[in-house]
Amino acid sequence: MAQISGYIGRFAPSPTGPLHLGSLAAALASWVDARAHDGLWLLRIEDIDREREQPGASDLIINSLGAHGLSWDKPITYQSERSIEYEDALTLLRQQGRLYACTCTRKQLREIAGNRVDRSYPGFCRDRQLPEADSALRLTVPADQRTSFQDANYGEVSETVADTIGDFIVRRRGPFYAYQLAVVVDDAAQGVTHVVRGADLLDNTARQIILQQALGCSQPAYLHVPLVTSGEQKLSKQSGAAALDDHKPVENLVDAWACLGQDAPDAADLRTVDEFLSFAVSNWNRNCIGNDSVDIQNKNLVDTNG
């Protein structure tokens, strides 16, 4: 595989529970893609959603990644320690006249969405000049701006965010910083050049590009990998997906590799984590990933229960 000078990738889990097979597949894709391009791989814990965070989950994730040999190259970044940087970004957006306070409740927004064919936020608070205290902050999105990017797996993706989402939240009440703002600020600060992550975040990308443009940040290259599902349900911590058994790292890695559409290694390459990861870096093929979600109920994965 051709080397990419200055490649910096990252894995950025939220500590809402331990890693499961789906999150391992995303982490493995990100790690292997970075290593295959002689790049750096960073770990960032996105711990800014206090309502969803589970105590101790950060340590579980960190330990699980270590057990599976997915080592990171710089100290771990914690979003909970970066409020100053997020406030600086909000100040810049405020100076551009791009922010406004919004007091619409979730109930009101559900009612608005239920009564309209267009589900985007209609800008009810845009001209009200409400005080920022105890309010969410929204970013004004130009009505005619169509945002496009080339995904290394899904091809060209294009979206007019004003039509699909509307002015979106960058700081929630609390204040709690929104995912879209934090991820853009942190990727820029860490010099991330390549984002490899699950396809459930594909529809977040246009909003993040709009923020990158507003904040003067470089746009990373994107590669989204298919979701891992069980039946029709996405594997997730919220849906009760089984936590990885860190005592069976090779079996877990082989399963994650299969979910990424990659050719299975020979049995001789399965003895240790290091041997498997060496094989994975040498044989990583983006063209094999595929676009469809992977249903583990219908896929012949390694039996980790024996």
C-alpha atoms as a PDB file:
ATOM      1  CA  MET A   1       0.000   0.000   0.000  1.00  0.00           C
ATOM      2  CA  ALA A   2       1.264   3.448  -0.865  1.00  0.00           C
ATOM      3  CA  GLN A   3       2.575   5.365   2.120  1.00  0.00           C
ATOM      4  CA  ILE A   4       0.971   8.672   3.099  1.00  0.00           C
ATOM      5  CA  SER A   5       3.401  11.172   4.557  1.00  0.00           C
ATOM      6  CA  GLY A   6       2.190  12.677   7.811  1.00  0.00           C
ATOM      7  CA  TYR A   7      -0.745  10.296   8.293  1.00  0.00           C
ATOM      8  CA  ILE A   8      -2.379  10.742  11.714  1.00  0.00           C
ATOM      9  CA  GLY A   9      -5.394   8.632  12.565  1.00  0.00           C
ATOM     10  CA  ARG A  10      -7.411   8.233  15.754  1.00  0.00           C
ATOM     11  CA  PHE A  11      -9.985   6.200  17.619  1.00  0.00           C
ATOM     12  CA  ALA A  12     -12.412   8.225  19.715  1.00  0.00           C
ATOM     13  CA  PRO A  13     -14.826   6.090  21.780  1.00  0.00           C
ATOM     14  CA  SER A  14     -17.414   7.421  24.197  1.00  0.00           C
ATOM     15  CA  PRO A  15     -17.186   5.810  27.664  1.00  0.00           C
ATOM     16  CA  THR A  16     -20.772   4.587  27.737  1.00  0.00           C
ATOM     17  CA  GLY A  17     -19.747   0.973  28.284  1.00  0.00           C
ATOM     18  CA  PRO A  18     -17.063  -1.594  27.422  1.00  0.00           C
ATOM     19  CA  LEU A  19     -15.953  -2.333  23.880  1.00  0.00           C
ATOM     20  CA  HIS A  20     -18.020  -4.824  21.869  1.00  0.00           C
ATOM     21  CA  LEU A  21     -17.376  -6.473  18.512  1.00  0.00           C
ATOM     22  CA  GLY A  22     -18.698  -3.516  16.509  1.00  0.00           C
ATOM     23  CA  SER A  23     -16.486  -1.001  18.265  1.00  0.00           C
ATOM     24  CA  LEU A  24     -13.501  -3.350  17.972  1.00  0.00           C
ATOM     25  CA  ALA A  25     -14.059  -3.585  14.204  1.00  0.00           C
ATOM     26  CA  ALA A  26     -14.004   0.225  13.926  1.00  0.00           C
ATOM     27  CA  ALA A  27     -10.924   0.468  16.140  1.00  0.00           C
ATOM     28  CA  LEU A  28      -9.127  -2.260  14.195  1.00  0.00           C
ATOM     29  CA  ALA A  29      -9.894  -0.614  10.845  1.00  0.00           C
ATOM     30  CA  SER A  30      -8.597   2.720  12.122  1.00  0.00           C
ATOM     31  CA  TRP A  31      -5.445   1.204  13.663  1.00  0.00           C
ATOM     32  CA  VAL A  32      -4.573  -1.022  10.711  1.00  0.00           C
ATOM     33  CA  ASP A  33      -5.165   1.734   8.159  1.00  0.00           C
ATOM     34  CA  ALA A  34      -2.810   4.020  10.096  1.00  0.00           C
ATOM     35  CA  ARG A  35      -0.139   1.340  10.464  1.00  0.00           C
ATOM     36  CA  ALA A  36      -0.444   0.290   6.810  1.00  0.00           C
ATOM     37  CA  HIS A  37       0.377   3.885   5.851  1.00  0.00           C
ATOM     38  CA  ASP A  38       3.243   4.217   8.370  1.00  0.00           C
ATOM     39  CA  GLY A  39       1.090   6.659  10.289  1.00  0.00           C
ATOM     40  CA  LEU A  40       0.447   7.568  13.901  1.00  0.00           C
ATOM     41  CA  TRP A  41      -2.630   6.351  15.773  1.00  0.00           C
ATOM     42  CA  LEU A  42      -4.115   8.360  18.624  1.00  0.00           C
ATOM     43  CA  LEU A  43      -6.652   7.522  21.307  1.00  0.00           C
ATOM     44  CA  ARG A  44      -9.187  10.092  22.453  1.00  0.00           C
ATOM     45  CA  ILE A  45     -11.856   9.461  25.094  1.00  0.00           C
ATOM     46  CA  GLU A  46     -14.951  11.484  24.204  1.00  0.00           C
ATOM     47  CA  ASP A  47     -16.290  11.894  27.729  1.00  0.00           C
ATOM     48  CA  ILE A  48     -18.426  15.019  27.423  1.00  0.00           C
ATOM     49  CA  ASP A  49     -21.865  13.377  27.553  1.00  0.00           C
ATOM     50  CA  ARG A  50     -22.234  13.000  31.308  1.00  0.00           C
ATOM     51  CA  GLU A  51     -25.762  11.622  31.073  1.00  0.00           C
ATOM     52  CA  ARG A  52     -24.642   8.589  29.066  1.00  0.00           C
ATOM     53  CA  GLU A  53     -21.203   7.998  30.573  1.00  0.00           C
ATOM     54  CA  GLN A  54     -20.745   4.917  32.751  1.00  0.00           C
ATOM     55  CA  PRO A  55     -18.311   5.070  35.676  1.00  0.00           C
ATOM     56  CA  GLY A  56     -15.170   3.096  34.945  1.00  0.00           C
ATOM     57  CA  ALA A  57     -15.948   2.669  31.240  1.00  0.00           C
ATOM     58  CA  SER A  58     -12.912   4.700  30.124  1.00  0.00           C
ATOM     59  CA  ASP A  59     -10.552   2.328  31.922  1.00  0.00           C
ATOM     60  CA  LEU A  60     -12.383  -0.697  30.524  1.00  0.00           C
ATOM     61  CA  ILE A  61     -11.986   0.635  26.977  1.00  0.00           C
ATOM     62  CA  ILE A  62      -8.318   1.518  27.457  1.00  0.00           C
ATOM     63  CA  ASN A  63      -7.519  -1.880  28.971  1.00  0.00           C
ATOM     64  CA  SER A  64      -9.440  -3.714  26.257  1.00  0.00           C
ATOM     65  CA  LEU A  65      -7.593  -1.918  23.464  1.00  0.00           C
ATOM     66  CA  GLY A  66      -4.320  -2.797  25.153  1.00  0.00           C
ATOM     67  CA  ALA A  67      -5.326  -6.450  25.494  1.00  0.00           C
ATOM     68  CA  HIS A  68      -5.960  -6.533  21.734  1.00  0.00           C
ATOM     69  CA  GLY A  69      -2.599  -4.972  20.885  1.00  0.00           C
ATOM     70  CA  LEU A  70      -4.035  -1.713  19.536  1.00  0.00           C
ATOM     71  CA  SER A  71      -1.381   0.631  20.899  1.00  0.00           C
ATOM     72  CA  TRP A  72      -1.514   4.411  20.620  1.00  0.00           C
ATOM     73  CA  ASP A  73       1.393   6.738  19.914  1.00  0.00           C
ATOM     74  CA  LYS A  74       0.749   9.778  22.117  1.00  0.00           C
ATOM     75  CA  PRO A  75      -0.828  10.394  25.533  1.00  0.00           C
ATOM     76  CA  ILE A  76      -4.586   9.825  25.663  1.00  0.00           C
ATOM     77  CA  THR A  77      -6.733  12.929  25.209  1.00  0.00           C
ATOM     78  CA  TYR A  78      -9.861  13.375  27.342  1.00  0.00           C
ATOM     79  CA  GLN A  79     -12.519  15.754  26.054  1.00  0.00           C
ATOM     80  CA  SER A  80     -13.645  16.510  29.598  1.00  0.00           C
ATOM     81  CA  GLU A  81     -10.339  18.374  30.041  1.00  0.00           C
ATOM     82  CA  ARG A  82     -10.690  20.581  26.961  1.00  0.00           C
ATOM     83  CA  SER A  83     -13.458  23.052  27.779  1.00  0.00           C
ATOM     84  CA  ILE A  84     -11.132  26.036  27.237  1.00  0.00           C
ATOM     85  CA  GLU A  85     -10.478  24.959  23.639  1.00  0.00           C
ATOM     86  CA  TYR A  86     -14.195  24.499  22.977  1.00  0.00           C
ATOM     87  CA  GLU A  87     -14.977  27.924  24.412  1.00  0.00           C
ATOM     88  CA  ASP A  88     -12.305  29.453  22.175  1.00  0.00           C
ATOM     89  CA  ALA A  89     -14.006  27.884  19.157  1.00  0.00           C
ATOM     90  CA  LEU A  90     -17.385  29.215  20.251  1.00  0.00           C
ATOM     91  CA  THR A  91     -15.886  32.690  20.648  1.00  0.00           C
ATOM     92  CA  LEU A  92     -14.619  32.573  17.073  1.00  0.00           C
ATOM     93  CA  LEU A  93     -18.021  31.462  15.761  1.00  0.00           C
ATOM     94  CA  ARG A  94     -19.701  34.146  17.854  1.00  0.00           C
ATOM     95  CA  GLN A  95     -17.416  36.808  16.357  1.00  0.00           C
ATOM     96  CA  GLN A  96     -18.480  35.638  12.894  1.00  0.00           C
ATOM     97  CA  GLY A  97     -22.141  36.089  13.808  1.00  0.00           C
ATOM     98  CA  ARG A  98     -22.764  32.377  13.292  1.00  0.00           C
ATOM     99  CA  LEU A  99     -24.202  31.526  16.743  1.00  0.00           C
ATOM    100  CA  TYR A 100     -27.561  32.153  18.353  1.00  0.00           C
ATOM    101  CA  ALA A 101     -29.242  31.000  21.537  1.00  0.00           C
ATOM    102  CA  CYS A 102     -32.105  28.506  21.317  1.00  0.00           C
ATOM    103  CA  THR A 103     -34.588  27.580  24.041  1.00  0.00           C
ATOM    104  CA  CYS A 104     -36.627  25.025  22.084  1.00  0.00           C
ATOM    105  CA  THR A 105     -37.213  21.907  24.167  1.00  0.00           C
ATOM    106  CA  ARG A 106     -36.972  18.363  22.881  1.00  0.00           C
ATOM    107  CA  LYS A 107     -40.744  18.055  23.197  1.00  0.00           C
ATOM    108  CA  GLN A 108     -41.230  21.175  21.079  1.00  0.00           C
ATOM    109  CA  LEU A 109     -38.788  19.900  18.486  1.00  0.00           C
ATOM    110  CA  ARG A 110     -40.593  16.543  18.291  1.00  0.00           C
ATOM    111  CA  GLU A 111     -43.881  18.376  17.770  1.00  0.00           C
ATOM    112  CA  ILE A 112     -42.300  20.561  15.082  1.00  0.00           C
ATOM    113  CA  ALA A 113     -40.878  17.525  13.314  1.00  0.00           C
ATOM    114  CA  GLY A 114     -44.184  15.682  13.523  1.00  0.00           C
ATOM    115  CA  ASN A 115     -46.065  18.492  11.834  1.00  0.00           C
ATOM    116  CA  ARG A 116     -43.644  19.118   8.967  1.00  0.00           C
ATOM    117  CA  VAL A 117     -42.518  17.122   5.960  1.00  0.00           C
ATOM    118  CA  ASP A 118     -39.140  18.840   6.233  1.00  0.00           C
ATOM    119  CA  ARG A 119     -37.673  17.612   9.524  1.00  0.00           C
ATOM    120  CA  SER A 120     -34.872  20.215   9.683  1.00  0.00           C
ATOM    121  CA  TYR A 121     -34.828  22.813  12.439  1.00  0.00           C
ATOM    122  CA  PRO A 122     -36.819  25.773  11.082  1.00  0.00           C
ATOM    123  CA  GLY A 123     -34.829  28.475  12.851  1.00  0.00           C
ATOM    124  CA  PHE A 124     -37.514  29.578  15.305  1.00  0.00           C
ATOM    125  CA  CYS A 125     -34.967  31.169  17.654  1.00  0.00           C
ATOM    126  CA  ARG A 126     -32.634  32.590  15.000  1.00  0.00           C
ATOM    127  CA  ASP A 127     -33.866  36.181  15.206  1.00  0.00           C
ATOM    128  CA  ARG A 128     -35.064  36.260  18.806  1.00  0.00           C
ATOM    129  CA  GLN A 129     -31.719  37.423  20.261  1.00  0.00           C
ATOM    130  CA  LEU A 130     -32.167  35.321  23.383  1.00  0.00           C
ATOM    131  CA  PRO A 131     -29.577  35.374  26.197  1.00  0.00           C
ATOM    132  CA  GLU A 132     -27.051  32.555  26.001  1.00  0.00           C
ATOM    133  CA  ALA A 133     -27.356  31.611  29.664  1.00  0.00           C
ATOM    134  CA  ASP A 134     -29.438  28.435  30.118  1.00  0.00           C
ATOM    135  CA  SER A 135     -29.819  28.132  26.350  1.00  0.00           C
ATOM    136  CA  ALA A 136     -28.407  25.876  23.693  1.00  0.00           C
ATOM    137  CA  LEU A 137     -26.276  27.460  20.975  1.00  0.00           C
ATOM    138  CA  ARG A 138     -26.948  26.755  17.306  1.00  0.00           C
ATOM    139  CA  LEU A 139     -24.715  27.354  14.293  1.00  0.00           C
ATOM    140  CA  THR A 140     -26.338  29.197  11.405  1.00  0.00           C
ATOM    141  CA  VAL A 141     -26.104  27.075   8.259  1.00  0.00           C
ATOM    142  CA  PRO A 142     -26.261  28.863   4.877  1.00  0.00           C
ATOM    143  CA  ALA A 143     -29.442  27.881   3.051  1.00  0.00           C
ATOM    144  CA  ASP A 144     -27.758  27.250  -0.287  1.00  0.00           C
ATOM    145  CA  GLN A 145     -24.609  25.486   0.907  1.00  0.00           C
ATOM    146  CA  ARG A 146     -24.235  21.946  -0.427  1.00  0.00           C
ATOM    147  CA  THR A 147     -21.429  20.063   1.294  1.00  0.00           C
ATOM    148  CA  SER A 148     -19.691  17.225  -0.519  1.00  0.00           C
ATOM    149  CA  PHE A 149     -16.813  14.941   0.338  1.00  0.00           C
ATOM    150  CA  GLN A 150     -15.216  11.803  -1.020  1.00  0.00           C
ATOM    151  CA  ASP A 151     -15.395   8.833   1.309  1.00  0.00           C
ATOM    152  CA  ALA A 152     -12.785   6.139   0.670  1.00  0.00           C
ATOM    153  CA  ASN A 153     -15.433   3.423   1.013  1.00  0.00           C
ATOM    154  CA  TYR A 154     -18.826   4.993   0.172  1.00  0.00           C
ATOM    155  CA  GLY A 155     -17.653   7.284  -2.630  1.00  0.00           C
ATOM    156  CA  GLU A 156     -18.991  10.802  -3.088  1.00  0.00           C
ATOM    157  CA  VAL A 157     -21.376  11.938  -0.374  1.00  0.00           C
ATOM    158  CA  SER A 158     -23.281  15.202  -0.716  1.00  0.00           C
ATOM    159  CA  GLU A 159     -25.718  16.921   1.625  1.00  0.00           C
ATOM    160  CA  THR A 160     -27.457  20.266   1.982  1.00  0.00           C
ATOM    161  CA  VAL A 161     -27.423  20.485   5.765  1.00  0.00           C
ATOM    162  CA  ALA A 162     -29.862  23.404   5.815  1.00  0.00           C
ATOM    163  CA  ASP A 163     -32.463  21.042   4.326  1.00  0.00           C
ATOM    164  CA  THR A 164     -31.658  17.848   6.222  1.00  0.00           C
ATOM    165  CA  ILE A 165     -30.738  19.193   9.674  1.00  0.00           C
ATOM    166  CA  GLY A 166     -30.956  22.964   9.666  1.00  0.00           C
ATOM    167  CA  ASP A 167     -29.053  25.127  12.110  1.00  0.00           C
ATOM    168  CA  PHE A 168     -27.498  22.571  14.443  1.00  0.00           C
ATOM    169  CA  ILE A 169     -26.503  22.640  18.094  1.00  0.00           C
ATOM    170  CA  VAL A 170     -22.846  23.181  18.996  1.00  0.00           C
ATOM    171  CA  ARG A 171     -23.387  23.682  22.723  1.00  0.00           C
ATOM    172  CA  ARG A 172     -26.196  22.157  24.729  1.00  0.00           C
ATOM    173  CA  ARG A 173     -27.708  23.583  27.868  1.00  0.00           C
ATOM    174  CA  GLY A 174     -25.603  23.042  30.934  1.00  0.00           C
ATOM    175  CA  PRO A 175     -23.406  24.082  29.263  1.00  0.00           C
ATOM    176  CA  PHE A 176     -22.418  20.814  27.602  1.00  0.00           C
ATOM    177  CA  TYR A 177     -20.425  20.921  24.388  1.00  0.00           C
ATOM    178  CA  ALA A 178     -21.955  19.107  21.448  1.00  0.00           C
ATOM    179  CA  TYR A 179     -20.207  16.202  19.771  1.00  0.00           C
ATOM    180  CA  GLN A 180     -19.983  18.005  16.430  1.00  0.00           C
ATOM    181  CA  LEU A 181     -18.017  20.920  17.900  1.00  0.00           C
ATOM    182  CA  ALA A 182     -15.746  18.856  20.141  1.00  0.00           C
ATOM    183  CA  VAL A 183     -14.723  16.366  17.473  1.00  0.00           C
ATOM    184  CA  VAL A 184     -13.807  19.106  14.981  1.00  0.00           C
ATOM    185  CA  VAL A 185     -11.804  21.092  17.531  1.00  0.00           C
ATOM    186  CA  ASP A 186      -9.966  17.994  18.758  1.00  0.00           C
ATOM    187  CA  ASP A 187      -9.204  16.552  15.316  1.00  0.00           C
ATOM    188  CA  ALA A 188      -7.713  19.897  14.323  1.00  0.00           C
ATOM    189  CA  ALA A 189      -5.707  20.254  17.537  1.00  0.00           C
ATOM    190  CA  GLN A 190      -4.292  16.736  17.185  1.00  0.00           C
ATOM    191  CA  GLY A 191      -3.473  17.191  13.506  1.00  0.00           C
ATOM    192  CA  VAL A 192      -5.693  14.289  12.460  1.00  0.00           C
ATOM    193  CA  THR A 193      -5.401  13.736   8.711  1.00  0.00           C
ATOM    194  CA  HIS A 194      -7.488  10.555   8.321  1.00  0.00           C
ATOM    195  CA  VAL A 195     -10.725   9.610  10.075  1.00  0.00           C
ATOM    196  CA  VAL A 196     -11.669   5.926   9.931  1.00  0.00           C
ATOM    197  CA  ARG A 197     -14.896   5.205  11.807  1.00  0.00           C
ATOM    198  CA  GLY A 198     -18.275   3.466  11.668  1.00  0.00           C
ATOM    199  CA  ALA A 199     -20.866   4.259   9.027  1.00  0.00           C
ATOM    200  CA  ASP A 200     -23.311   5.386  11.716  1.00  0.00           C
ATOM    201  CA  LEU A 201     -21.297   8.630  11.736  1.00  0.00           C
ATOM    202  CA  LEU A 202     -21.394   9.115   7.967  1.00  0.00           C
ATOM    203  CA  ASP A 203     -24.301  11.563   8.189  1.00  0.00           C
ATOM    204  CA  ASN A 204     -22.424  13.644  10.772  1.00  0.00           C
ATOM    205  CA  THR A 205     -19.607  14.406   8.374  1.00  0.00           C
ATOM    206  CA  ALA A 206     -21.197  17.253   6.416  1.00  0.00           C
ATOM    207  CA  ARG A 207     -21.924  19.138   9.634  1.00  0.00           C
ATOM    208  CA  GLN A 208     -18.348  18.636  10.760  1.00  0.00           C
ATOM    209  CA  ILE A 209     -17.025  19.928   7.448  1.00  0.00           C
ATOM    210  CA  ILE A 210     -19.158  23.060   7.813  1.00  0.00           C
ATOM    211  CA  LEU A 211     -17.611  23.612  11.243  1.00  0.00           C
ATOM    212  CA  GLN A 212     -14.121  22.950   9.892  1.00  0.00           C
ATOM    213  CA  GLN A 213     -14.649  25.622   7.282  1.00  0.00           C
ATOM    214  CA  ALA A 214     -16.009  28.108   9.813  1.00  0.00           C
ATOM    215  CA  LEU A 215     -13.116  27.514  12.225  1.00  0.00           C
ATOM    216  CA  GLY A 216     -10.418  27.478   9.544  1.00  0.00           C
ATOM    217  CA  CYS A 217      -9.507  23.810  10.138  1.00  0.00           C
ATOM    218  CA  SER A 218      -8.164  21.390   7.564  1.00  0.00           C
ATOM    219  CA  GLN A 219     -10.535  18.683   6.355  1.00  0.00           C
ATOM    220  CA  PRO A 220      -9.375  15.122   7.061  1.00  0.00           C
ATOM    221  CA  ALA A 221      -9.798  12.274   4.613  1.00  0.00           C
ATOM    222  CA  TYR A 222     -12.706  10.002   5.546  1.00  0.00           C
ATOM    223  CA  LEU A 223     -13.218   6.246   5.486  1.00  0.00           C
ATOM    224  CA  HIS A 224     -16.412   4.851   6.988  1.00  0.00           C
ATOM    225  CA  VAL A 225     -16.753   1.137   7.628  1.00  0.00           C
ATOM    226  CA  PRO A 226     -20.061  -0.796   7.729  1.00  0.00           C
ATOM    227  CA  LEU A 227     -21.917  -1.318  10.969  1.00  0.00           C
ATOM    228  CA  VAL A 228     -21.910  -4.647  12.757  1.00  0.00           C
ATOM    229  CA  THR A 229     -25.457  -5.741  13.560  1.00  0.00           C
ATOM    230  CA  SER A 230     -27.286  -8.576  15.255  1.00  0.00           C
ATOM    231  CA  GLY A 231     -30.402  -9.224  13.265  1.00  0.00           C
ATOM    232  CA  GLU A 232     -31.737  -5.789  12.362  1.00  0.00           C
ATOM    233  CA  GLN A 233     -30.252  -4.085  15.408  1.00  0.00           C
ATOM    234  CA  LYS A 234     -26.925  -2.259  15.422  1.00  0.00           C
ATOM    235  CA  LEU A 235     -24.452  -3.626  17.936  1.00  0.00           C
ATOM    236  CA  SER A 236     -24.097  -0.918  20.559  1.00  0.00           C
ATOM    237  CA  LYS A 237     -23.666  -0.453  24.269  1.00  0.00           C
ATOM    238  CA  GLN A 238     -27.207   0.935  24.443  1.00  0.00           C
ATOM    239  CA  SER A 239     -28.678  -2.184  22.809  1.00  0.00           C
ATOM    240  CA  GLY A 240     -26.904  -4.482  25.245  1.00  0.00           C
ATOM    241  CA  ALA A 241     -24.174  -5.786  22.942  1.00  0.00           C
ATOM    242  CA  ALA A 242     -21.937  -8.283  24.713  1.00  0.00           C
ATOM    243  CA  ALA A 243     -18.673  -6.889  26.015  1.00  0.00           C
ATOM    244  CA  LEU A 244     -15.495  -8.309  24.519  1.00  0.00           C
ATOM    245  CA  ASP A 245     -13.811 -11.095  26.433  1.00  0.00           C
ATOM    246  CA  ASP A 246     -10.329  -9.631  26.763  1.00  0.00           C
ATOM    247  CA  HIS A 247      -8.961 -13.093  27.510  1.00  0.00           C
ATOM    248  CA  LYS A 248      -9.653 -14.104  23.897  1.00  0.00           C
ATOM    249  CA  PRO A 249      -8.078 -11.239  21.935  1.00  0.00           C
ATOM    250  CA  VAL A 250      -7.002 -13.238  18.888  1.00  0.00           C
ATOM    251  CA  GLU A 251     -10.475 -14.690  18.381  1.00  0.00           C
ATOM    252  CA  ASN A 252     -12.011 -11.244  18.783  1.00  0.00           C
ATOM    253  CA  LEU A 253      -9.602  -9.707  16.277  1.00  0.00           C
ATOM    254  CA  VAL A 254     -10.304 -12.445  13.741  1.00  0.00           C
ATOM    255  CA  ASP A 255     -14.045 -11.802  14.090  1.00  0.00           C
ATOM    256  CA  ALA A 256     -13.565  -8.042  13.696  1.00  0.00           C
ATOM    257  CA  TRP A 257     -11.336  -8.664  10.652  1.00  0.00           C
ATOM    258  CA  ALA A 258     -14.084 -10.774   9.081  1.00  0.00           C
ATOM    259  CA  CYS A 259     -16.635  -8.026   9.731  1.00  0.00           C
ATOM    260  CA  LEU A 260     -14.389  -5.701   7.731  1.00  0.00           C
ATOM    261  CA  GLY A 261     -14.617  -8.008   4.709  1.00  0.00           C
ATOM    262  CA  GLN A 262     -10.943  -8.939   4.788  1.00  0.00           C
ATOM    263  CA  ASP A 263      -9.513 -12.282   3.686  1.00  0.00           C
ATOM    264  CA  ALA A 264      -9.150 -14.723   6.567  1.00  0.00           C
ATOM    265  CA  PRO A 265      -5.602 -15.439   7.734  1.00  0.00           C
ATOM    266  CA  ASP A 266      -4.117 -18.931   7.808  1.00  0.00           C
ATOM    267  CA  ALA A 267      -4.321 -20.791  11.084  1.00  0.00           C
ATOM    268  CA  ALA A 268      -0.574 -20.334  11.514  1.00  0.00           C
ATOM    269  CA  ASP A 269      -1.116 -16.585  11.837  1.00  0.00           C
ATOM    270  CA  LEU A 270      -3.551 -16.909  14.724  1.00  0.00           C
ATOM    271  CA  ARG A 271      -1.254 -17.854  17.582  1.00  0.00           C
ATOM    272  CA  THR A 272      -0.625 -14.429  19.109  1.00  0.00           C
ATOM    273  CA  VAL A 273      -2.007 -10.909  18.906  1.00  0.00           C
ATOM    274  CA  ASP A 274       1.269  -9.613  17.475  1.00  0.00           C
ATOM    275  CA  GLU A 275       1.286 -12.228  14.724  1.00  0.00           C
ATOM    276  CA  PHE A 276      -2.292 -11.445  13.781  1.00  0.00           C
ATOM    277  CA  LEU A 277      -1.742  -7.682  13.714  1.00  0.00           C
ATOM    278  CA  SER A 278       1.408  -8.094  11.614  1.00  0.00           C
ATOM    279  CA  PHE A 279      -0.645 -10.134   9.151  1.00  0.00           C
ATOM    280  CA  ALA A 280      -3.428  -7.557   9.219  1.00  0.00           C
ATOM    281  CA  VAL A 281      -1.164  -4.613   8.420  1.00  0.00           C
ATOM    282  CA  SER A 282       0.434  -6.488   5.527  1.00  0.00           C
ATOM    283  CA  ASN A 283      -2.882  -7.667   4.070  1.00  0.00           C
ATOM    284  CA  TRP A 284      -5.208  -4.702   4.717  1.00  0.00           C
ATOM    285  CA  ASN A 285      -7.322  -3.979   1.642  1.00  0.00           C
ATOM    286  CA  ARG A 286      -9.729  -1.034   1.678  1.00  0.00           C
ATOM    287  CA  ASN A 287     -11.402  -2.361  -1.458  1.00  0.00           C
ATOM    288  CA  CYS A 288     -12.707  -5.416   0.420  1.00  0.00           C
ATOM    289  CA  ILE A 289     -14.573  -3.529   3.139  1.00  0.00           C
ATOM    290  CA  GLY A 290     -17.942  -3.301   1.395  1.00  0.00           C
ATOM    291  CA  ASN A 291     -20.850  -0.935   2.022  1.00  0.00           C
ATOM    292  CA  ASP A 292     -23.456  -3.174   3.658  1.00  0.00           C
ATOM    293  CA  SER A 293     -23.858  -3.725   7.383  1.00  0.00           C
ATOM    294  CA  VAL A 294     -22.530  -7.041   8.695  1.00  0.00           C
ATOM    295  CA  ASP A 295     -25.053  -9.251  10.502  1.00  0.00           C
ATOM    296  CA  ILE A 296     -23.167 -11.483  12.930  1.00  0.00           C
ATOM    297  CA  GLN A 297     -26.176 -13.809  13.142  1.00  0.00           C
ATOM    298  CA  ASN A 298     -25.574 -14.762   9.524  1.00  0.00           C
ATOM    299  CA  LYS A 299     -21.760 -14.628   9.481  1.00  0.00           C
ATOM    300  CA  ASN A 300     -19.438 -17.517  10.290  1.00  0.00           C
ATOM    301  CA  LEU A 301     -17.401 -16.004  13.101  1.00  0.00           C
ATOM    302  CA  VAL A 302     -14.968 -17.731  15.445  1.00  0.00           C
ATOM    303  CA  ASP A 303     -16.752 -19.470  18.322  1.00  0.00           C
ATOM    304  CA  THR A 304     -15.508 -17.575  21.376  1.00  0.00           C
ATOM    305  CA  ASN A 305     -17.774 -19.444  23.788  1.00  0.00           C
ATOM    306  CA  GLY A 306     -16.087 -22.801  23.613  1.00  0.00           C
END
